Each structure stands twice: as C-alpha cells, then as structure tokens.
Amino acid sequence: MISLPDSRTEPDGSAVIRVLSYNIRSLRDDRAALARVIRACAPDLVLIQEAPRFFRWRKAAERLARAAGLVYVTGGGTTAGPMILSTLRAHVERTEDILLPRTPGLHQRGFATAVVRIGGARLGVLSCHLSLADAERYGQAGLLLERLALMDVPYAVAGGDLNDRPDGRTFRRLAGALTDGWAAEPWGGEFTSTPHEPRQRIDAVFASEGVEVLGCGVPHGLPGVREADLRAASDHLPVLAALRVPPGTP
C-alpha cells in the first residue's frame, strides 16, 4: 500500500494535514483500542460522531482527547453527537455548534463546526451525523452545504457518518458539490461498516474546491493500526484523509 503523507507545512505556507472521521458509538466499546487507533493515525483534526452527550459528557470527551494526544475543540452534547478534536498544531479562530431542525419521532441531529489555521492555511471544519430517514437526511445535506458557505473561509473539510451509500441521493448531493476523498484518491480500505464484516461505505471525508486529496480511506495497514483494535474500538471503521490545503487569506 502506498504510504499516506505525514502532516507538514510547505515552504509556500500550504499545509498537508491528516483528517480522521470516526463514529465512536458513544464510547460504548474498547476505549483503549479507540485511543490507540486515533494516535496511530496521527491526525491534525478528528471529526467525531456519536460522541458522549449525556451525563458528564464533557469529562468523557476530555478523557478521550487526552488519551488520544489531542485537545477538545467543540461539539458533543451541544450538537447531539458530532464533535471536533485537534492537535495543538491547529489554531482555532472560532467555533459554532448547530442543532438542526428535527422531524418529530426522529433523533436530534447537529453539526460541530470550527474555523482553524494550520500553517499558512485557513479552513472551515464540519463534523456531521446525518439522519436515518431519507427525506430528512437529504435536507440535512443541503444545510451542510449552506453552513460551509456561511463560514466564509477559502477552504473547508467536512466528514462524518452519512447513513447513506455513494449511490444514494444524499451522498451524491454532497459529492456533487464537494470532493469525495475516497473517490478522488483511494487509499487503504473502502468500506466502513461494519468492522467485523465491512460491506458498505457510509462514512466519508469531503473537501472543498482547491483542496488536494493526497489519499483517503480506512487505515488498514497503516503502521501502528492493529486490525484487532479497529474491530474492538467501535461499530464503524474510521476514514483517514491526507489533504493539501493552500495558504488562506490573512
């Protein structure tokens, strides 16, 4: 397998970053295995879904961040699950937690968002977990695209559990406006659900125009990532992307 580029800052100020999207099932599985997987992926940004969101959820989020060698940025209980973690390499300009309109009888959904600077690059970041219901999910994809536009940043990355496959209309709506990392530069594995018998891709990392995808996929074979840990950490497999983000505006 071709190696995934490490994080670095280029001489022109552009940033090569690693972004990890991971549904962690509210930390109901092996937390030590989860932390080992995240550490081995060496991400600059982690887009979490199903973060702890009930009793003492902030402490649980902080413990996960510490165990993974990261810091808490935003989200969790305030977004009904999506959360963002980062390394200290990322300078956080601002954050906004958003609760989406909810269809009666369905789960509350939300977006965790932040604007960060890494090297000379400035970008918007969004973590999402879309609805199980087709109509609501499709509408949430439109709200995601609107939110990225409202962040008023030169570049953006969004990732999460879409609850939709690449041939579904929600997935296609996002891939029509953004670059689907796996489709652009496949690396590692494709399928994210389930860890014991992966057969579908319902988790993804997307990038806005101008962001170059250097590799994206499930980190099978990445040094330090053990298959036993991937199976034990959650009921989803993570998606790791390496991206080159050009220098942003001051």
C-alpha atoms as a PDB file:
ATOM      1  CA  MET A   1       0.000   0.000   0.000  1.00  0.00           C
ATOM      2  CA  ILE A   2       1.268   3.486  -0.870  1.00  0.00           C
ATOM      3  CA  SER A   3       2.162   5.395   2.290  1.00  0.00           C
ATOM      4  CA  LEU A   4      -0.036   8.273   3.384  1.00  0.00           C
ATOM      5  CA  PRO A   5       1.768  11.628   3.587  1.00  0.00           C
ATOM      6  CA  ASP A   6       2.667  12.914   7.032  1.00  0.00           C
ATOM      7  CA  SER A   7       1.487  16.305   8.237  1.00  0.00           C
ATOM      8  CA  ARG A   8       3.759  19.188   7.344  1.00  0.00           C
ATOM      9  CA  THR A   9       3.856  22.829   6.320  1.00  0.00           C
ATOM     10  CA  GLU A  10       5.132  23.528   2.814  1.00  0.00           C
ATOM     11  CA  PRO A  11       7.537  26.408   2.018  1.00  0.00           C
ATOM     12  CA  ASP A  12       4.708  28.335   0.353  1.00  0.00           C
ATOM     13  CA  GLY A  13       2.609  28.156   3.541  1.00  0.00           C
ATOM     14  CA  SER A  14       0.260  25.421   2.357  1.00  0.00           C
ATOM     15  CA  ALA A  15      -0.498  22.737   4.910  1.00  0.00           C
ATOM     16  CA  VAL A  16      -0.534  18.985   4.464  1.00  0.00           C
ATOM     17  CA  ILE A  17      -2.963  17.781   7.110  1.00  0.00           C
ATOM     18  CA  ARG A  18      -4.450  14.500   8.230  1.00  0.00           C
ATOM     19  CA  VAL A  19      -8.186  14.456   8.936  1.00  0.00           C
ATOM     20  CA  LEU A  20      -9.844  11.489  10.654  1.00  0.00           C
ATOM     21  CA  SER A  21     -13.605  10.923  10.673  1.00  0.00           C
ATOM     22  CA  TYR A  22     -14.809   8.385  13.241  1.00  0.00           C
ATOM     23  CA  ASN A  23     -18.166   7.254  14.637  1.00  0.00           C
ATOM     24  CA  ILE A  24     -17.190   6.152  18.154  1.00  0.00           C
ATOM     25  CA  ARG A  25     -20.585   4.802  19.303  1.00  0.00           C
ATOM     26  CA  SER A  26     -20.692   6.940  22.458  1.00  0.00           C
ATOM     27  CA  LEU A  27     -17.559   5.221  23.823  1.00  0.00           C
ATOM     28  CA  ARG A  28     -19.504   2.011  24.442  1.00  0.00           C
ATOM     29  CA  ASP A  29     -16.699  -0.184  23.094  1.00  0.00           C
ATOM     30  CA  ASP A  30     -12.995  -0.592  23.904  1.00  0.00           C
ATOM     31  CA  ARG A  31     -11.797   2.919  24.772  1.00  0.00           C
ATOM     32  CA  ALA A  32      -8.135   1.963  24.961  1.00  0.00           C
ATOM     33  CA  ALA A  33      -8.320   0.435  21.471  1.00  0.00           C
ATOM     34  CA  LEU A  34     -10.071   3.567  20.206  1.00  0.00           C
ATOM     35  CA  ALA A  35      -7.343   5.818  21.591  1.00  0.00           C
ATOM     36  CA  ARG A  36      -4.639   3.615  20.050  1.00  0.00           C
ATOM     37  CA  VAL A  37      -6.274   3.789  16.623  1.00  0.00           C
ATOM     38  CA  ILE A  38      -6.602   7.568  16.763  1.00  0.00           C
ATOM     39  CA  ARG A  39      -2.995   8.033  17.929  1.00  0.00           C
ATOM     40  CA  ALA A  40      -1.640   5.745  15.224  1.00  0.00           C
ATOM     41  CA  CYS A  41      -3.489   7.731  12.543  1.00  0.00           C
ATOM     42  CA  ALA A  42      -1.639  10.888  13.713  1.00  0.00           C
ATOM     43  CA  PRO A  43      -4.492  13.241  12.723  1.00  0.00           C
ATOM     44  CA  ASP A  44      -4.406  17.015  12.930  1.00  0.00           C
ATOM     45  CA  LEU A  45      -8.203  17.090  13.074  1.00  0.00           C
ATOM     46  CA  VAL A  46     -10.640  14.429  14.252  1.00  0.00           C
ATOM     47  CA  LEU A  47     -14.294  14.640  13.236  1.00  0.00           C
ATOM     48  CA  ILE A  48     -16.177  12.533  15.756  1.00  0.00           C
ATOM     49  CA  GLN A  49     -19.729  11.216  15.532  1.00  0.00           C
ATOM     50  CA  GLU A  50     -21.726   9.739  18.425  1.00  0.00           C
ATOM     51  CA  ALA A  51     -19.553  11.482  21.000  1.00  0.00           C
ATOM     52  CA  PRO A  52     -20.716  11.242  24.620  1.00  0.00           C
ATOM     53  CA  ARG A  53     -23.640  13.638  25.069  1.00  0.00           C
ATOM     54  CA  PHE A  54     -25.375  12.892  28.332  1.00  0.00           C
ATOM     55  CA  PHE A  55     -24.215  12.727  31.974  1.00  0.00           C
ATOM     56  CA  ARG A  56     -20.737  14.284  32.406  1.00  0.00           C
ATOM     57  CA  TRP A  57     -20.175  14.166  28.669  1.00  0.00           C
ATOM     58  CA  ARG A  58     -17.580  16.956  28.781  1.00  0.00           C
ATOM     59  CA  LYS A  59     -15.347  14.951  31.110  1.00  0.00           C
ATOM     60  CA  ALA A  60     -15.671  11.893  28.867  1.00  0.00           C
ATOM     61  CA  ALA A  61     -14.740  13.981  25.818  1.00  0.00           C
ATOM     62  CA  GLU A  62     -11.734  15.443  27.592  1.00  0.00           C
ATOM     63  CA  ARG A  63     -10.551  11.991  28.694  1.00  0.00           C
ATOM     64  CA  LEU A  64     -10.758  10.723  25.124  1.00  0.00           C
ATOM     65  CA  ALA A  65      -8.856  13.744  23.851  1.00  0.00           C
ATOM     66  CA  ARG A  66      -6.086  13.263  26.416  1.00  0.00           C
ATOM     67  CA  ALA A  67      -5.819   9.542  25.720  1.00  0.00           C
ATOM     68  CA  ALA A  68      -5.505  10.259  22.000  1.00  0.00           C
ATOM     69  CA  GLY A  69      -2.976  13.066  22.471  1.00  0.00           C
ATOM     70  CA  LEU A  70      -5.428  15.727  21.295  1.00  0.00           C
ATOM     71  CA  VAL A  71      -7.446  18.654  22.613  1.00  0.00           C
ATOM     72  CA  TYR A  72     -11.195  19.200  22.638  1.00  0.00           C
ATOM     73  CA  VAL A  73     -12.374  21.865  20.185  1.00  0.00           C
ATOM     74  CA  THR A  74     -16.179  21.818  20.131  1.00  0.00           C
ATOM     75  CA  GLY A  75     -19.341  19.728  19.964  1.00  0.00           C
ATOM     76  CA  GLY A  76     -20.580  16.646  21.772  1.00  0.00           C
ATOM     77  CA  GLY A  77     -23.628  17.171  23.956  1.00  0.00           C
ATOM     78  CA  THR A  78     -24.194  20.594  22.398  1.00  0.00           C
ATOM     79  CA  THR A  79     -24.593  19.121  18.903  1.00  0.00           C
ATOM     80  CA  ALA A  80     -26.342  15.808  19.701  1.00  0.00           C
ATOM     81  CA  GLY A  81     -23.164  13.868  18.936  1.00  0.00           C
ATOM     82  CA  PRO A  82     -20.781  15.418  16.380  1.00  0.00           C
ATOM     83  CA  MET A  83     -17.545  16.694  17.906  1.00  0.00           C
ATOM     84  CA  ILE A  84     -14.169  18.040  16.778  1.00  0.00           C
ATOM     85  CA  LEU A  85     -10.769  17.301  18.340  1.00  0.00           C
ATOM     86  CA  SER A  86      -7.414  18.613  17.146  1.00  0.00           C
ATOM     87  CA  THR A  87      -3.711  18.771  17.824  1.00  0.00           C
ATOM     88  CA  LEU A  88      -2.081  21.934  19.087  1.00  0.00           C
ATOM     89  CA  ARG A  89      -0.920  22.497  15.511  1.00  0.00           C
ATOM     90  CA  ALA A  90      -4.400  23.833  14.765  1.00  0.00           C
ATOM     91  CA  HIS A  91      -5.093  27.380  15.900  1.00  0.00           C
ATOM     92  CA  VAL A  92      -8.842  27.665  16.498  1.00  0.00           C
ATOM     93  CA  GLU A  93     -10.312  31.006  15.403  1.00  0.00           C
ATOM     94  CA  ARG A  94     -13.912  30.295  16.275  1.00  0.00           C
ATOM     95  CA  THR A  95     -16.429  27.501  16.793  1.00  0.00           C
ATOM     96  CA  GLU A  96     -20.165  27.141  16.367  1.00  0.00           C
ATOM     97  CA  ASP A  97     -22.400  24.279  17.453  1.00  0.00           C
ATOM     98  CA  ILE A  98     -25.596  23.885  15.448  1.00  0.00           C
ATOM     99  CA  LEU A  99     -28.748  21.884  16.161  1.00  0.00           C
ATOM    100  CA  LEU A 100     -30.693  21.007  13.029  1.00  0.00           C
ATOM    101  CA  PRO A 101     -34.471  21.052  12.538  1.00  0.00           C
ATOM    102  CA  ARG A 102     -35.847  17.767  13.842  1.00  0.00           C
ATOM    103  CA  THR A 103     -38.590  15.612  12.409  1.00  0.00           C
ATOM    104  CA  PRO A 104     -40.929  14.504  15.246  1.00  0.00           C
ATOM    105  CA  GLY A 105     -40.130  10.978  16.322  1.00  0.00           C
ATOM    106  CA  LEU A 106     -36.568  11.052  14.959  1.00  0.00           C
ATOM    107  CA  HIS A 107     -33.284  11.732  16.731  1.00  0.00           C
ATOM    108  CA  GLN A 108     -31.974  15.250  17.128  1.00  0.00           C
ATOM    109  CA  ARG A 109     -29.025  15.931  14.798  1.00  0.00           C
ATOM    110  CA  GLY A 110     -26.438  18.680  14.658  1.00  0.00           C
ATOM    111  CA  PHE A 111     -23.160  19.972  13.228  1.00  0.00           C
ATOM    112  CA  ALA A 112     -19.933  20.701  15.098  1.00  0.00           C
ATOM    113  CA  THR A 113     -18.062  23.426  13.224  1.00  0.00           C
ATOM    114  CA  ALA A 114     -14.833  25.376  13.600  1.00  0.00           C
ATOM    115  CA  VAL A 115     -12.588  27.699  11.645  1.00  0.00           C
ATOM    116  CA  VAL A 116      -8.919  26.846  12.136  1.00  0.00           C
ATOM    117  CA  ARG A 117      -5.480  27.875  10.896  1.00  0.00           C
ATOM    118  CA  ILE A 118      -2.804  25.268  10.272  1.00  0.00           C
ATOM    119  CA  GLY A 119       0.466  26.563   8.905  1.00  0.00           C
ATOM    120  CA  GLY A 120      -0.496  29.219   6.385  1.00  0.00           C
ATOM    121  CA  ALA A 121      -3.817  27.528   5.622  1.00  0.00           C
ATOM    122  CA  ARG A 122      -7.188  28.671   6.924  1.00  0.00           C
ATOM    123  CA  LEU A 123     -10.155  26.350   6.649  1.00  0.00           C
ATOM    124  CA  GLY A 124     -13.603  25.535   7.901  1.00  0.00           C
ATOM    125  CA  VAL A 125     -14.198  22.165   9.549  1.00  0.00           C
ATOM    126  CA  LEU A 126     -17.528  20.389   9.990  1.00  0.00           C
ATOM    127  CA  SER A 127     -18.436  17.074  11.631  1.00  0.00           C
ATOM    128  CA  CYS A 128     -21.855  15.567  10.919  1.00  0.00           C
ATOM    129  CA  HIS A 129     -24.009  12.525  11.563  1.00  0.00           C
ATOM    130  CA  LEU A 130     -26.943  12.554   9.174  1.00  0.00           C
ATOM    131  CA  SER A 131     -30.414  11.119   9.677  1.00  0.00           C
ATOM    132  CA  LEU A 132     -31.516   7.545   9.099  1.00  0.00           C
ATOM    133  CA  ALA A 133     -34.614   8.894   7.317  1.00  0.00           C
ATOM    134  CA  ASP A 134     -34.073   9.593   3.622  1.00  0.00           C
ATOM    135  CA  ALA A 135     -36.024  12.851   3.304  1.00  0.00           C
ATOM    136  CA  GLU A 136     -34.579  14.376   6.463  1.00  0.00           C
ATOM    137  CA  ARG A 137     -31.073  13.205   5.532  1.00  0.00           C
ATOM    138  CA  TYR A 138     -31.291  14.800   2.087  1.00  0.00           C
ATOM    139  CA  GLY A 139     -32.372  18.091   3.614  1.00  0.00           C
ATOM    140  CA  GLN A 140     -29.514  17.949   6.108  1.00  0.00           C
ATOM    141  CA  ALA A 141     -27.042  17.576   3.240  1.00  0.00           C
ATOM    142  CA  GLY A 142     -28.343  20.858   1.851  1.00  0.00           C
ATOM    143  CA  LEU A 143     -27.981  22.501   5.263  1.00  0.00           C
ATOM    144  CA  LEU A 144     -24.402  21.192   5.460  1.00  0.00           C
ATOM    145  CA  LEU A 145     -23.513  22.847   2.155  1.00  0.00           C
ATOM    146  CA  GLU A 146     -25.200  26.071   3.258  1.00  0.00           C
ATOM    147  CA  ARG A 147     -23.272  26.024   6.532  1.00  0.00           C
ATOM    148  CA  LEU A 148     -19.928  25.629   4.777  1.00  0.00           C
ATOM    149  CA  ALA A 149     -20.761  28.604   2.566  1.00  0.00           C
ATOM    150  CA  LEU A 150     -21.734  30.715   5.588  1.00  0.00           C
ATOM    151  CA  MET A 151     -18.411  30.019   7.299  1.00  0.00           C
ATOM    152  CA  ASP A 152     -16.798  32.467   4.833  1.00  0.00           C
ATOM    153  CA  VAL A 153     -13.496  30.603   4.528  1.00  0.00           C
ATOM    154  CA  PRO A 154     -11.367  29.915   1.439  1.00  0.00           C
ATOM    155  CA  TYR A 155     -11.320  26.152   2.019  1.00  0.00           C
ATOM    156  CA  ALA A 156     -13.290  23.599   4.003  1.00  0.00           C
ATOM    157  CA  VAL A 157     -13.387  19.962   5.009  1.00  0.00           C
ATOM    158  CA  ALA A 158     -16.439  18.047   6.178  1.00  0.00           C
ATOM    159  CA  GLY A 159     -16.700  14.486   7.362  1.00  0.00           C
ATOM    160  CA  GLY A 160     -18.976  12.115   9.117  1.00  0.00           C
ATOM    161  CA  ASP A 161     -21.408   9.257   9.201  1.00  0.00           C
ATOM    162  CA  LEU A 162     -23.779   9.930   6.295  1.00  0.00           C
ATOM    163  CA  ASN A 163     -26.055   6.922   6.819  1.00  0.00           C
ATOM    164  CA  ASP A 164     -26.058   6.763   3.018  1.00  0.00           C
ATOM    165  CA  ARG A 165     -24.035   4.961   0.368  1.00  0.00           C
ATOM    166  CA  PRO A 166     -22.277   6.565  -2.609  1.00  0.00           C
ATOM    167  CA  ASP A 167     -25.205   5.727  -4.910  1.00  0.00           C
ATOM    168  CA  GLY A 168     -27.725   7.334  -2.537  1.00  0.00           C
ATOM    169  CA  ARG A 169     -29.135  10.753  -3.296  1.00  0.00           C
ATOM    170  CA  THR A 170     -27.766  12.383  -0.136  1.00  0.00           C
ATOM    171  CA  PHE A 171     -24.244  11.109  -0.729  1.00  0.00           C
ATOM    172  CA  ARG A 172     -24.498  12.187  -4.374  1.00  0.00           C
ATOM    173  CA  ARG A 173     -25.689  15.650  -3.341  1.00  0.00           C
ATOM    174  CA  LEU A 174     -22.590  16.171  -1.235  1.00  0.00           C
ATOM    175  CA  ALA A 175     -20.228  14.601  -3.760  1.00  0.00           C
ATOM    176  CA  GLY A 176     -21.672  16.849  -6.455  1.00  0.00           C
ATOM    177  CA  ALA A 177     -20.637  19.983  -4.560  1.00  0.00           C
ATOM    178  CA  LEU A 178     -17.523  18.751  -2.737  1.00  0.00           C
ATOM    179  CA  THR A 179     -14.678  16.334  -3.450  1.00  0.00           C
ATOM    180  CA  ASP A 180     -15.289  12.849  -2.046  1.00  0.00           C
ATOM    181  CA  GLY A 181     -11.877  11.853  -0.668  1.00  0.00           C
ATOM    182  CA  TRP A 182     -12.088   8.134  -1.418  1.00  0.00           C
ATOM    183  CA  ALA A 183     -13.341   8.686  -4.966  1.00  0.00           C
ATOM    184  CA  ALA A 184     -10.595  11.248  -5.656  1.00  0.00           C
ATOM    185  CA  GLU A 185      -7.593   9.364  -4.266  1.00  0.00           C
ATOM    186  CA  PRO A 186      -8.431   5.949  -2.775  1.00  0.00           C
ATOM    187  CA  TRP A 187      -6.024   4.638  -0.160  1.00  0.00           C
ATOM    188  CA  GLY A 188      -6.385   1.891   2.427  1.00  0.00           C
ATOM    189  CA  GLY A 189      -9.831   0.334   2.615  1.00  0.00           C
ATOM    190  CA  GLU A 190     -13.158   1.463   1.198  1.00  0.00           C
ATOM    191  CA  PHE A 191     -15.907   0.038   3.404  1.00  0.00           C
ATOM    192  CA  THR A 192     -16.611   1.465   6.871  1.00  0.00           C
ATOM    193  CA  SER A 193     -19.491  -0.644   8.179  1.00  0.00           C
ATOM    194  CA  THR A 194     -19.277  -2.948   9.984  1.00  0.00           C
ATOM    195  CA  PRO A 195     -15.764  -3.579  11.349  1.00  0.00           C
ATOM    196  CA  HIS A 196     -16.288  -7.351  11.523  1.00  0.00           C
ATOM    197  CA  GLU A 197     -17.799  -7.616   8.034  1.00  0.00           C
ATOM    198  CA  PRO A 198     -17.253  -4.342   6.139  1.00  0.00           C
ATOM    199  CA  ARG A 199     -19.524  -4.206   3.112  1.00  0.00           C
ATOM    200  CA  GLN A 200     -20.681  -0.606   2.733  1.00  0.00           C
ATOM    201  CA  ARG A 201     -19.215   2.892   2.688  1.00  0.00           C
ATOM    202  CA  ILE A 202     -21.429   5.194   4.743  1.00  0.00           C
ATOM    203  CA  ASP A 203     -18.677   7.351   6.295  1.00  0.00           C
ATOM    204  CA  ALA A 204     -16.686   9.870   4.269  1.00  0.00           C
ATOM    205  CA  VAL A 205     -14.403  12.894   4.224  1.00  0.00           C
ATOM    206  CA  PHE A 206     -15.188  15.675   1.746  1.00  0.00           C
ATOM    207  CA  ALA A 207     -13.110  18.700   0.757  1.00  0.00           C
ATOM    208  CA  SER A 208     -13.971  21.963  -0.950  1.00  0.00           C
ATOM    209  CA  GLU A 209     -12.594  23.125  -4.297  1.00  0.00           C
ATOM    210  CA  GLY A 210      -8.883  23.891  -4.179  1.00  0.00           C
ATOM    211  CA  VAL A 211      -8.059  21.309  -1.505  1.00  0.00           C
ATOM    212  CA  GLU A 212      -5.960  18.468  -2.926  1.00  0.00           C
ATOM    213  CA  VAL A 213      -6.724  14.956  -1.707  1.00  0.00           C
ATOM    214  CA  LEU A 214      -3.472  13.010  -1.296  1.00  0.00           C
ATOM    215  CA  GLY A 215      -5.102   9.825  -0.034  1.00  0.00           C
ATOM    216  CA  CYS A 216      -8.287   8.777   1.764  1.00  0.00           C
ATOM    217  CA  GLY A 217      -9.707   5.568   3.185  1.00  0.00           C
ATOM    218  CA  VAL A 218      -9.926   3.186   6.106  1.00  0.00           C
ATOM    219  CA  PRO A 219      -6.412   2.959   7.629  1.00  0.00           C
ATOM    220  CA  HIS A 220      -5.885  -0.773   7.127  1.00  0.00           C
ATOM    221  CA  GLY A 221      -2.146  -1.450   7.093  1.00  0.00           C
ATOM    222  CA  LEU A 222      -1.148   1.939   8.486  1.00  0.00           C
ATOM    223  CA  PRO A 223       1.820   1.435  10.846  1.00  0.00           C
ATOM    224  CA  GLY A 224       0.548   1.191  14.407  1.00  0.00           C
ATOM    225  CA  VAL A 225      -3.077   0.484  13.473  1.00  0.00           C
ATOM    226  CA  ARG A 226      -3.969  -3.042  14.522  1.00  0.00           C
ATOM    227  CA  GLU A 227      -6.902  -4.846  12.953  1.00  0.00           C
ATOM    228  CA  ALA A 228      -7.948  -6.127  16.380  1.00  0.00           C
ATOM    229  CA  ASP A 229      -8.165  -2.532  17.626  1.00  0.00           C
ATOM    230  CA  LEU A 230     -10.251  -1.475  14.627  1.00  0.00           C
ATOM    231  CA  ARG A 231     -12.720  -4.253  15.385  1.00  0.00           C
ATOM    232  CA  ALA A 232     -12.800  -3.513  19.117  1.00  0.00           C
ATOM    233  CA  ALA A 233     -12.946   0.293  19.083  1.00  0.00           C
ATOM    234  CA  SER A 234     -16.394   0.937  17.555  1.00  0.00           C
ATOM    235  CA  ASP A 235     -19.118  -0.382  15.277  1.00  0.00           C
ATOM    236  CA  HIS A 236     -17.740   1.793  12.437  1.00  0.00           C
ATOM    237  CA  LEU A 237     -14.323   1.900  10.820  1.00  0.00           C
ATOM    238  CA  PRO A 238     -12.636   5.305  10.641  1.00  0.00           C
ATOM    239  CA  VAL A 239     -11.831   7.260   7.483  1.00  0.00           C
ATOM    240  CA  LEU A 240      -8.413   8.928   7.326  1.00  0.00           C
ATOM    241  CA  ALA A 241      -7.594  11.561   4.704  1.00  0.00           C
ATOM    242  CA  ALA A 242      -4.386  13.400   3.869  1.00  0.00           C
ATOM    243  CA  LEU A 243      -5.116  16.785   2.309  1.00  0.00           C
ATOM    244  CA  ARG A 244      -3.046  19.659   0.973  1.00  0.00           C
ATOM    245  CA  VAL A 245      -4.697  22.964   1.833  1.00  0.00           C
ATOM    246  CA  PRO A 246      -3.354  26.089   0.056  1.00  0.00           C
ATOM    247  CA  PRO A 247      -2.424  29.187   2.032  1.00  0.00           C
ATOM    248  CA  GLY A 248      -5.518  31.114   3.037  1.00  0.00           C
ATOM    249  CA  THR A 249      -6.346  34.775   3.182  1.00  0.00           C
ATOM    250  CA  PRO A 250      -4.987  36.739   6.159  1.00  0.00           C
END
